[in-house]
Amino acid sequence: MDSKTRLLYWLLNASRGGPTRVRILKTIDKKPMNLNQLSNSLSLDYKTVQGHVELLIENEILETPKKKYGSIYFISAEWEDNDYLKEVLRGNCDEKKGK
């Protein structure tokens, strides 16, 4: 397992907020959104979504063209070809259930 895949595994499966981050990534993969839209779509608190998105940005999994209020988030081009991420987004990995 390469270092990028290890990082994804830790962020999405081995840490407490992993299932929520998986939900966020699956939602953004279907349609890029801003924090408010993500919060409403996932029925989660805005600050909860903001914290998870910030972690995904720090690890360069998500990106936004402009970092300001209302920014739209996308999965980073650098991660689009990662096989593990593709499997997670399709729901074929053994991710933890729950929120």
PDB file of N, CA and C in Angstrom:
ATOM      1  N   MET A   1       0.857  -1.168   0.000  1.00  0.00           N
ATOM      2  CA  MET A   1       0.000   0.000   0.000  1.00  0.00           C
ATOM      3  C   MET A   1       0.907   1.237   0.000  1.00  0.00           C
ATOM      4  N   ASP A   2       0.687   2.120  -0.962  1.00  0.00           N
ATOM      5  CA  ASP A   2       1.512   3.326  -1.045  1.00  0.00           C
ATOM      6  C   ASP A   2       1.103   4.345   0.024  1.00  0.00           C
ATOM      7  N   SER A   3       1.906   5.388   0.197  1.00  0.00           N
ATOM      8  CA  SER A   3       1.671   6.353   1.277  1.00  0.00           C
ATOM      9  C   SER A   3       0.359   7.121   1.093  1.00  0.00           C
ATOM     10  N   LYS A   4      -0.020   7.416  -0.143  1.00  0.00           N
ATOM     11  CA  LYS A   4      -1.282   8.121  -0.383  1.00  0.00           C
ATOM     12  C   LYS A   4      -2.473   7.256   0.032  1.00  0.00           C
ATOM     13  N   THR A   5      -2.432   5.990  -0.302  1.00  0.00           N
ATOM     14  CA  THR A   5      -3.516   5.086   0.044  1.00  0.00           C
ATOM     15  C   THR A   5      -3.580   4.882   1.555  1.00  0.00           C
ATOM     16  N   ARG A   6      -2.405   4.799   2.208  1.00  0.00           N
ATOM     17  CA  ARG A   6      -2.371   4.689   3.679  1.00  0.00           C
ATOM     18  C   ARG A   6      -3.026   5.897   4.325  1.00  0.00           C
ATOM     19  N   LEU A   7      -2.720   7.092   3.790  1.00  0.00           N
ATOM     20  CA  LEU A   7      -3.320   8.318   4.313  1.00  0.00           C
ATOM     21  C   LEU A   7      -4.839   8.270   4.169  1.00  0.00           C
ATOM     22  N   LEU A   8      -5.311   7.890   2.990  1.00  0.00           N
ATOM     23  CA  LEU A   8      -6.753   7.785   2.772  1.00  0.00           C
ATOM     24  C   LEU A   8      -7.384   6.771   3.706  1.00  0.00           C
ATOM     25  N   TYR A   9      -6.744   5.633   3.859  1.00  0.00           N
ATOM     26  CA  TYR A   9      -7.291   4.600   4.738  1.00  0.00           C
ATOM     27  C   TYR A   9      -7.438   5.149   6.150  1.00  0.00           C
ATOM     28  N   TRP A  10      -6.408   5.846   6.638  1.00  0.00           N
ATOM     29  CA  TRP A  10      -6.476   6.391   7.988  1.00  0.00           C
ATOM     30  C   TRP A  10      -7.587   7.433   8.108  1.00  0.00           C
ATOM     31  N   LEU A  11      -7.663   8.351   7.134  1.00  0.00           N
ATOM     32  CA  LEU A  11      -8.664   9.417   7.193  1.00  0.00           C
ATOM     33  C   LEU A  11     -10.097   8.903   7.060  1.00  0.00           C
ATOM     34  N   LEU A  12     -10.296   7.847   6.279  1.00  0.00           N
ATOM     35  CA  LEU A  12     -11.647   7.400   5.951  1.00  0.00           C
ATOM     36  C   LEU A  12     -12.103   6.162   6.711  1.00  0.00           C
ATOM     37  N   ASN A  13     -11.173   5.372   7.214  1.00  0.00           N
ATOM     38  CA  ASN A  13     -11.582   4.121   7.877  1.00  0.00           C
ATOM     39  C   ASN A  13     -11.062   3.957   9.292  1.00  0.00           C
ATOM     40  N   ALA A  14      -9.871   4.426   9.559  1.00  0.00           N
ATOM     41  CA  ALA A  14      -9.238   4.123  10.837  1.00  0.00           C
ATOM     42  C   ALA A  14      -9.404   5.225  11.877  1.00  0.00           C
ATOM     43  N   SER A  15      -9.992   6.332  11.518  1.00  0.00           N
ATOM     44  CA  SER A  15     -10.170   7.412  12.482  1.00  0.00           C
ATOM     45  C   SER A  15     -11.658   7.615  12.772  1.00  0.00           C
ATOM     46  N   ARG A  16     -11.927   8.263  13.879  1.00  0.00           N
ATOM     47  CA  ARG A  16     -13.292   8.389  14.373  1.00  0.00           C
ATOM     48  C   ARG A  16     -14.244   9.076  13.390  1.00  0.00           C
ATOM     49  N   GLY A  17     -13.801  10.111  12.694  1.00  0.00           N
ATOM     50  CA  GLY A  17     -14.671  10.843  11.784  1.00  0.00           C
ATOM     51  C   GLY A  17     -14.698  10.294  10.367  1.00  0.00           C
ATOM     52  N   GLY A  18     -14.084   9.151  10.162  1.00  0.00           N
ATOM     53  CA  GLY A  18     -13.981   8.574   8.824  1.00  0.00           C
ATOM     54  C   GLY A  18     -15.296   8.412   8.084  1.00  0.00           C
ATOM     55  N   PRO A  19     -16.318   7.834   8.718  1.00  0.00           N
ATOM     56  CA  PRO A  19     -17.589   7.656   8.005  1.00  0.00           C
ATOM     57  C   PRO A  19     -18.204   8.980   7.536  1.00  0.00           C
ATOM     58  N   THR A  20     -18.052  10.023   8.327  1.00  0.00           N
ATOM     59  CA  THR A  20     -18.577  11.334   7.920  1.00  0.00           C
ATOM     60  C   THR A  20     -17.783  11.874   6.740  1.00  0.00           C
ATOM     61  N   ARG A  21     -16.465  11.696   6.767  1.00  0.00           N
ATOM     62  CA  ARG A  21     -15.638  12.155   5.642  1.00  0.00           C
ATOM     63  C   ARG A  21     -15.967  11.380   4.370  1.00  0.00           C
ATOM     64  N   VAL A  22     -16.278  10.092   4.508  1.00  0.00           N
ATOM     65  CA  VAL A  22     -16.685   9.301   3.336  1.00  0.00           C
ATOM     66  C   VAL A  22     -17.974   9.876   2.759  1.00  0.00           C
ATOM     67  N   ARG A  23     -18.935  10.184   3.619  1.00  0.00           N
ATOM     68  CA  ARG A  23     -20.205  10.765   3.148  1.00  0.00           C
ATOM     69  C   ARG A  23     -19.961  12.088   2.429  1.00  0.00           C
ATOM     70  N   ILE A  24     -19.072  12.909   2.976  1.00  0.00           N
ATOM     71  CA  ILE A  24     -18.756  14.197   2.355  1.00  0.00           C
ATOM     72  C   ILE A  24     -18.132  13.984   0.985  1.00  0.00           C
ATOM     73  N   LEU A  25     -17.167  13.080   0.895  1.00  0.00           N
ATOM     74  CA  LEU A  25     -16.509  12.828  -0.394  1.00  0.00           C
ATOM     75  C   LEU A  25     -17.471  12.260  -1.433  1.00  0.00           C
ATOM     76  N   LYS A  26     -18.344  11.340  -1.010  1.00  0.00           N
ATOM     77  CA  LYS A  26     -19.320  10.776  -1.950  1.00  0.00           C
ATOM     78  C   LYS A  26     -20.261  11.862  -2.463  1.00  0.00           C
ATOM     79  N   THR A  27     -20.662  12.764  -1.594  1.00  0.00           N
ATOM     80  CA  THR A  27     -21.566  13.850  -1.987  1.00  0.00           C
ATOM     81  C   THR A  27     -20.875  14.798  -2.949  1.00  0.00           C
ATOM     82  N   ILE A  28     -19.645  15.168  -2.647  1.00  0.00           N
ATOM     83  CA  ILE A  28     -18.893  16.079  -3.516  1.00  0.00           C
ATOM     84  C   ILE A  28     -18.564  15.418  -4.845  1.00  0.00           C
ATOM     85  N   ASP A  29     -18.330  14.113  -4.824  1.00  0.00           N
ATOM     86  CA  ASP A  29     -18.039  13.403  -6.071  1.00  0.00           C
ATOM     87  C   ASP A  29     -19.228  13.462  -7.024  1.00  0.00           C
ATOM     88  N   LYS A  30     -20.438  13.387  -6.470  1.00  0.00           N
ATOM     89  CA  LYS A  30     -21.645  13.465  -7.302  1.00  0.00           C
ATOM     90  C   LYS A  30     -21.880  14.882  -7.807  1.00  0.00           C
ATOM     91  N   LYS A  31     -21.676  15.859  -6.905  1.00  0.00           N
ATOM     92  CA  LYS A  31     -21.914  17.259  -7.269  1.00  0.00           C
ATOM     93  C   LYS A  31     -21.090  18.154  -6.348  1.00  0.00           C
ATOM     94  N   PRO A  32     -20.122  18.884  -6.882  1.00  0.00           N
ATOM     95  CA  PRO A  32     -19.352  19.815  -6.054  1.00  0.00           C
ATOM     96  C   PRO A  32     -20.286  20.815  -5.364  1.00  0.00           C
ATOM     97  N   MET A  33     -20.016  21.091  -4.094  1.00  0.00           N
ATOM     98  CA  MET A  33     -20.885  21.951  -3.290  1.00  0.00           C
ATOM     99  C   MET A  33     -20.057  22.836  -2.378  1.00  0.00           C
ATOM    100  N   ASN A  34     -20.726  23.853  -1.797  1.00  0.00           N
ATOM    101  CA  ASN A  34     -20.089  24.647  -0.764  1.00  0.00           C
ATOM    102  C   ASN A  34     -20.452  24.049   0.601  1.00  0.00           C
ATOM    103  N   LEU A  35     -19.904  24.626   1.668  1.00  0.00           N
ATOM    104  CA  LEU A  35     -20.127  24.072   3.004  1.00  0.00           C
ATOM    105  C   LEU A  35     -21.597  24.064   3.415  1.00  0.00           C
ATOM    106  N   ASN A  36     -22.304  25.130   3.115  1.00  0.00           N
ATOM    107  CA  ASN A  36     -23.710  25.205   3.482  1.00  0.00           C
ATOM    108  C   ASN A  36     -24.530  24.136   2.751  1.00  0.00           C
ATOM    109  N   GLN A  37     -24.275  23.975   1.460  1.00  0.00           N
ATOM    110  CA  GLN A  37     -24.984  22.960   0.688  1.00  0.00           C
ATOM    111  C   GLN A  37     -24.677  21.562   1.212  1.00  0.00           C
ATOM    112  N   LEU A  38     -23.395  21.311   1.537  1.00  0.00           N
ATOM    113  CA  LEU A  38     -23.013  20.009   2.095  1.00  0.00           C
ATOM    114  C   LEU A  38     -23.717  19.759   3.422  1.00  0.00           C
ATOM    115  N   SER A  39     -23.721  20.770   4.265  1.00  0.00           N
ATOM    116  CA  SER A  39     -24.358  20.661   5.566  1.00  0.00           C
ATOM    117  C   SER A  39     -25.838  20.300   5.429  1.00  0.00           C
ATOM    118  N   ASN A  40     -26.523  20.991   4.544  1.00  0.00           N
ATOM    119  CA  ASN A  40     -27.949  20.719   4.324  1.00  0.00           C
ATOM    120  C   ASN A  40     -28.173  19.354   3.687  1.00  0.00           C
ATOM    121  N   SER A  41     -27.363  19.020   2.698  1.00  0.00           N
ATOM    122  CA  SER A  41     -27.511  17.761   1.978  1.00  0.00           C
ATOM    123  C   SER A  41     -27.299  16.551   2.890  1.00  0.00           C
ATOM    124  N   LEU A  42     -26.345  16.673   3.818  1.00  0.00           N
ATOM    125  CA  LEU A  42     -26.005  15.560   4.695  1.00  0.00           C
ATOM    126  C   LEU A  42     -26.715  15.620   6.041  1.00  0.00           C
ATOM    127  N   SER A  43     -27.502  16.673   6.257  1.00  0.00           N
ATOM    128  CA  SER A  43     -28.188  16.889   7.542  1.00  0.00           C
ATOM    129  C   SER A  43     -27.200  16.869   8.713  1.00  0.00           C
ATOM    130  N   LEU A  44     -26.090  17.584   8.523  1.00  0.00           N
ATOM    131  CA  LEU A  44     -25.068  17.703   9.555  1.00  0.00           C
ATOM    132  C   LEU A  44     -24.890  19.166   9.921  1.00  0.00           C
ATOM    133  N   ASP A  45     -24.381  19.414  11.116  1.00  0.00           N
ATOM    134  CA  ASP A  45     -24.084  20.759  11.564  1.00  0.00           C
ATOM    135  C   ASP A  45     -23.009  21.385  10.656  1.00  0.00           C
ATOM    136  N   TYR A  46     -23.170  22.675  10.370  1.00  0.00           N
ATOM    137  CA  TYR A  46     -22.245  23.394   9.491  1.00  0.00           C
ATOM    138  C   TYR A  46     -20.807  23.276   9.997  1.00  0.00           C
ATOM    139  N   LYS A  47     -20.597  23.484  11.295  1.00  0.00           N
ATOM    140  CA  LYS A  47     -19.245  23.438  11.868  1.00  0.00           C
ATOM    141  C   LYS A  47     -18.641  22.039  11.775  1.00  0.00           C
ATOM    142  N   THR A  48     -19.472  21.016  11.869  1.00  0.00           N
ATOM    143  CA  THR A  48     -18.991  19.645  11.716  1.00  0.00           C
ATOM    144  C   THR A  48     -18.458  19.439  10.310  1.00  0.00           C
ATOM    145  N   VAL A  49     -19.242  19.844   9.328  1.00  0.00           N
ATOM    146  CA  VAL A  49     -18.821  19.713   7.930  1.00  0.00           C
ATOM    147  C   VAL A  49     -17.569  20.547   7.686  1.00  0.00           C
ATOM    148  N   GLN A  50     -17.538  21.758   8.217  1.00  0.00           N
ATOM    149  CA  GLN A  50     -16.393  22.643   8.031  1.00  0.00           C
ATOM    150  C   GLN A  50     -15.107  21.996   8.566  1.00  0.00           C
ATOM    151  N   GLY A  51     -15.181  21.394   9.730  1.00  0.00           N
ATOM    152  CA  GLY A  51     -14.008  20.742  10.313  1.00  0.00           C
ATOM    153  C   GLY A  51     -13.495  19.590   9.464  1.00  0.00           C
ATOM    154  N   HIS A  52     -14.413  18.764   8.981  1.00  0.00           N
ATOM    155  CA  HIS A  52     -14.010  17.632   8.141  1.00  0.00           C
ATOM    156  C   HIS A  52     -13.448  18.110   6.801  1.00  0.00           C
ATOM    157  N   VAL A  53     -14.070  19.103   6.206  1.00  0.00           N
ATOM    158  CA  VAL A  53     -13.593  19.630   4.927  1.00  0.00           C
ATOM    159  C   VAL A  53     -12.198  20.244   5.106  1.00  0.00           C
ATOM    160  N   GLU A  54     -11.976  20.958   6.191  1.00  0.00           N
ATOM    161  CA  GLU A  54     -10.657  21.543   6.442  1.00  0.00           C
ATOM    162  C   GLU A  54      -9.588  20.455   6.545  1.00  0.00           C
ATOM    163  N   LEU A  55      -9.911  19.345   7.206  1.00  0.00           N
ATOM    164  CA  LEU A  55      -8.969  18.234   7.300  1.00  0.00           C
ATOM    165  C   LEU A  55      -8.679  17.642   5.919  1.00  0.00           C
ATOM    166  N   LEU A  56      -9.711  17.503   5.105  1.00  0.00           N
ATOM    167  CA  LEU A  56      -9.525  16.963   3.750  1.00  0.00           C
ATOM    168  C   LEU A  56      -8.733  17.930   2.877  1.00  0.00           C
ATOM    169  N   ILE A  57      -8.883  19.220   3.094  1.00  0.00           N
ATOM    170  CA  ILE A  57      -8.098  20.212   2.348  1.00  0.00           C
ATOM    171  C   ILE A  57      -6.640  20.172   2.794  1.00  0.00           C
ATOM    172  N   GLU A  58      -6.405  20.097   4.109  1.00  0.00           N
ATOM    173  CA  GLU A  58      -5.037  20.024   4.639  1.00  0.00           C
ATOM    174  C   GLU A  58      -4.275  18.853   4.035  1.00  0.00           C
ATOM    175  N   ASN A  59      -4.978  17.761   3.785  1.00  0.00           N
ATOM    176  CA  ASN A  59      -4.348  16.573   3.210  1.00  0.00           C
ATOM    177  C   ASN A  59      -4.457  16.534   1.696  1.00  0.00           C
ATOM    178  N   GLU A  60      -4.899  17.638   1.118  1.00  0.00           N
ATOM    179  CA  GLU A  60      -4.967  17.853  -0.335  1.00  0.00           C
ATOM    180  C   GLU A  60      -5.874  16.858  -1.059  1.00  0.00           C
ATOM    181  N   ILE A  61      -6.897  16.379  -0.357  1.00  0.00           N
ATOM    182  CA  ILE A  61      -7.873  15.486  -0.987  1.00  0.00           C
ATOM    183  C   ILE A  61      -8.986  16.307  -1.623  1.00  0.00           C
ATOM    184  N   LEU A  62      -9.322  17.412  -0.984  1.00  0.00           N
ATOM    185  CA  LEU A  62     -10.274  18.363  -1.555  1.00  0.00           C
ATOM    186  C   LEU A  62      -9.542  19.641  -1.924  1.00  0.00           C
ATOM    187  N   GLU A  63     -10.109  20.351  -2.887  1.00  0.00           N
ATOM    188  CA  GLU A  63      -9.559  21.642  -3.278  1.00  0.00           C
ATOM    189  C   GLU A  63     -10.696  22.578  -3.650  1.00  0.00           C
ATOM    190  N   THR A  64     -10.384  23.850  -3.648  1.00  0.00           N
ATOM    191  CA  THR A  64     -11.342  24.870  -4.056  1.00  0.00           C
ATOM    192  C   THR A  64     -10.579  25.931  -4.835  1.00  0.00           C
ATOM    193  N   PRO A  65     -11.167  26.440  -5.923  1.00  0.00           N
ATOM    194  CA  PRO A  65     -10.467  27.459  -6.716  1.00  0.00           C
ATOM    195  C   PRO A  65     -10.202  28.742  -5.923  1.00  0.00           C
ATOM    196  N   LYS A  66     -11.146  29.141  -5.086  1.00  0.00           N
ATOM    197  CA  LYS A  66     -11.001  30.366  -4.302  1.00  0.00           C
ATOM    198  C   LYS A  66     -11.393  30.074  -2.867  1.00  0.00           C
ATOM    199  N   LYS A  67     -10.502  30.386  -1.947  1.00  0.00           N
ATOM    200  CA  LYS A  67     -10.787  30.137  -0.535  1.00  0.00           C
ATOM    201  C   LYS A  67     -11.473  31.348   0.069  1.00  0.00           C
ATOM    202  N   LYS A  68     -12.774  31.345  -0.016  1.00  0.00           N
ATOM    203  CA  LYS A  68     -13.582  32.411   0.576  1.00  0.00           C
ATOM    204  C   LYS A  68     -14.952  31.835   0.908  1.00  0.00           C
ATOM    205  N   TYR A  69     -15.789  32.640   1.560  1.00  0.00           N
ATOM    206  CA  TYR A  69     -17.128  32.184   1.924  1.00  0.00           C
ATOM    207  C   TYR A  69     -17.897  31.766   0.675  1.00  0.00           C
ATOM    208  N   GLY A  70     -18.534  30.637   0.721  1.00  0.00           N
ATOM    209  CA  GLY A  70     -19.326  30.152  -0.407  1.00  0.00           C
ATOM    210  C   GLY A  70     -18.517  29.384  -1.432  1.00  0.00           C
ATOM    211  N   SER A  71     -17.254  29.106  -1.139  1.00  0.00           N
ATOM    212  CA  SER A  71     -16.410  28.369  -2.076  1.00  0.00           C
ATOM    213  C   SER A  71     -16.967  26.987  -2.357  1.00  0.00           C
ATOM    214  N   ILE A  72     -16.835  26.564  -3.576  1.00  0.00           N
ATOM    215  CA  ILE A  72     -17.265  25.230  -3.999  1.00  0.00           C
ATOM    216  C   ILE A  72     -16.064  24.295  -3.876  1.00  0.00           C
ATOM    217  N   TYR A  73     -16.297  23.100  -3.330  1.00  0.00           N
ATOM    218  CA  TYR A  73     -15.225  22.128  -3.113  1.00  0.00           C
ATOM    219  C   TYR A  73     -15.311  20.995  -4.124  1.00  0.00           C
ATOM    220  N   PHE A  74     -14.124  20.555  -4.553  1.00  0.00           N
ATOM    221  CA  PHE A  74     -13.967  19.484  -5.533  1.00  0.00           C
ATOM    222  C   PHE A  74     -12.963  18.471  -4.998  1.00  0.00           C
ATOM    223  N   ILE A  75     -13.045  17.240  -5.477  1.00  0.00           N
ATOM    224  CA  ILE A  75     -11.995  16.272  -5.180  1.00  0.00           C
ATOM    225  C   ILE A  75     -10.781  16.683  -6.003  1.00  0.00           C
ATOM    226  N   SER A  76      -9.637  16.726  -5.351  1.00  0.00           N
ATOM    227  CA  SER A  76      -8.402  17.169  -5.985  1.00  0.00           C
ATOM    228  C   SER A  76      -8.050  16.273  -7.176  1.00  0.00           C
ATOM    229  N   ALA A  77      -7.591  16.888  -8.248  1.00  0.00           N
ATOM    230  CA  ALA A  77      -7.218  16.156  -9.457  1.00  0.00           C
ATOM    231  C   ALA A  77      -6.137  15.119  -9.162  1.00  0.00           C
ATOM    232  N   GLU A  78      -5.295  15.405  -8.198  1.00  0.00           N
ATOM    233  CA  GLU A  78      -4.214  14.495  -7.830  1.00  0.00           C
ATOM    234  C   GLU A  78      -4.731  13.167  -7.270  1.00  0.00           C
ATOM    235  N   TRP A  79      -5.953  13.158  -6.743  1.00  0.00           N
ATOM    236  CA  TRP A  79      -6.526  11.959  -6.138  1.00  0.00           C
ATOM    237  C   TRP A  79      -7.518  11.241  -7.035  1.00  0.00           C
ATOM    238  N   GLU A  80      -7.901  11.835  -8.153  1.00  0.00           N
ATOM    239  CA  GLU A  80      -8.945  11.251  -8.999  1.00  0.00           C
ATOM    240  C   GLU A  80      -8.599   9.865  -9.522  1.00  0.00           C
ATOM    241  N   ASP A  81      -7.314   9.572  -9.674  1.00  0.00           N
ATOM    242  CA  ASP A  81      -6.907   8.272 -10.211  1.00  0.00           C
ATOM    243  C   ASP A  81      -6.542   7.255  -9.136  1.00  0.00           C
ATOM    244  N   ASN A  82      -6.732   7.602  -7.881  1.00  0.00           N
ATOM    245  CA  ASN A  82      -6.390   6.685  -6.801  1.00  0.00           C
ATOM    246  C   ASN A  82      -7.444   5.574  -6.723  1.00  0.00           C
ATOM    247  N   ASP A  83      -6.994   4.341  -6.885  1.00  0.00           N
ATOM    248  CA  ASP A  83      -7.908   3.195  -6.909  1.00  0.00           C
ATOM    249  C   ASP A  83      -8.669   3.024  -5.597  1.00  0.00           C
ATOM    250  N   TYR A  84      -7.999   3.238  -4.484  1.00  0.00           N
ATOM    251  CA  TYR A  84      -8.668   3.087  -3.196  1.00  0.00           C
ATOM    252  C   TYR A  84      -9.790   4.105  -3.047  1.00  0.00           C
ATOM    253  N   LEU A  85      -9.535   5.351  -3.422  1.00  0.00           N
ATOM    254  CA  LEU A  85     -10.570   6.382  -3.339  1.00  0.00           C
ATOM    255  C   LEU A  85     -11.741   6.041  -4.260  1.00  0.00           C
ATOM    256  N   LYS A  86     -11.452   5.539  -5.441  1.00  0.00           N
ATOM    257  CA  LYS A  86     -12.523   5.129  -6.356  1.00  0.00           C
ATOM    258  C   LYS A  86     -13.397   4.057  -5.717  1.00  0.00           C
ATOM    259  N   GLU A  87     -12.768   3.097  -5.042  1.00  0.00           N
ATOM    260  CA  GLU A  87     -13.517   2.028  -4.383  1.00  0.00           C
ATOM    261  C   GLU A  87     -14.390   2.576  -3.253  1.00  0.00           C
ATOM    262  N   VAL A  88     -13.826   3.505  -2.476  1.00  0.00           N
ATOM    263  CA  VAL A  88     -14.588   4.109  -1.378  1.00  0.00           C
ATOM    264  C   VAL A  88     -15.793   4.853  -1.939  1.00  0.00           C
ATOM    265  N   LEU A  89     -15.593   5.624  -2.993  1.00  0.00           N
ATOM    266  CA  LEU A  89     -16.682   6.410  -3.565  1.00  0.00           C
ATOM    267  C   LEU A  89     -17.775   5.518  -4.160  1.00  0.00           C
ATOM    268  N   ARG A  90     -17.398   4.342  -4.621  1.00  0.00           N
ATOM    269  CA  ARG A  90     -18.388   3.392  -5.146  1.00  0.00           C
ATOM    270  C   ARG A  90     -19.046   2.591  -4.032  1.00  0.00           C
ATOM    271  N   GLY A  91     -18.481   2.698  -2.823  1.00  0.00           N
ATOM    272  CA  GLY A  91     -19.053   1.971  -1.693  1.00  0.00           C
ATOM    273  C   GLY A  91     -18.601   0.528  -1.601  1.00  0.00           C
ATOM    274  N   ASN A  92     -17.471   0.202  -2.244  1.00  0.00           N
ATOM    275  CA  ASN A  92     -17.014  -1.182  -2.260  1.00  0.00           C
ATOM    276  C   ASN A  92     -15.978  -1.489  -1.195  1.00  0.00           C
ATOM    277  N   CYS A  93     -15.635  -0.505  -0.352  1.00  0.00           N
ATOM    278  CA  CYS A  93     -14.667  -0.764   0.716  1.00  0.00           C
ATOM    279  C   CYS A  93     -15.409  -0.989   2.019  1.00  0.00           C
ATOM    280  N   ASP A  94     -14.752  -1.681   2.915  1.00  0.00           N
ATOM    281  CA  ASP A  94     -15.398  -1.973   4.183  1.00  0.00           C
ATOM    282  C   ASP A  94     -15.219  -0.801   5.155  1.00  0.00           C
ATOM    283  N   GLU A  95     -15.965   0.281   4.864  1.00  0.00           N
ATOM    284  CA  GLU A  95     -15.943   1.459   5.725  1.00  0.00           C
ATOM    285  C   GLU A  95     -16.850   1.230   6.916  1.00  0.00           C
ATOM    286  N   LYS A  96     -16.589   1.925   7.999  1.00  0.00           N
ATOM    287  CA  LYS A  96     -17.441   1.819   9.184  1.00  0.00           C
ATOM    288  C   LYS A  96     -18.793   2.428   8.881  1.00  0.00           C
ATOM    289  N   LYS A  97     -19.818   1.857   9.421  1.00  0.00           N
ATOM    290  CA  LYS A  97     -21.170   2.399   9.231  1.00  0.00           C
ATOM    291  C   LYS A  97     -21.449   3.455  10.277  1.00  0.00           C
ATOM    292  N   GLY A  98     -22.313   4.385   9.931  1.00  0.00           N
ATOM    293  CA  GLY A  98     -22.709   5.411  10.895  1.00  0.00           C
ATOM    294  C   GLY A  98     -22.306   6.791  10.442  1.00  0.00           C
ATOM    295  N   LYS A  99     -22.390   7.743  11.385  1.00  0.00           N
ATOM    296  CA  LYS A  99     -22.093   9.141  11.045  1.00  0.00           C
ATOM    297  C   LYS A  99     -20.858   9.607  11.750  1.00  0.00           C
TER     298      LYS A  99
END
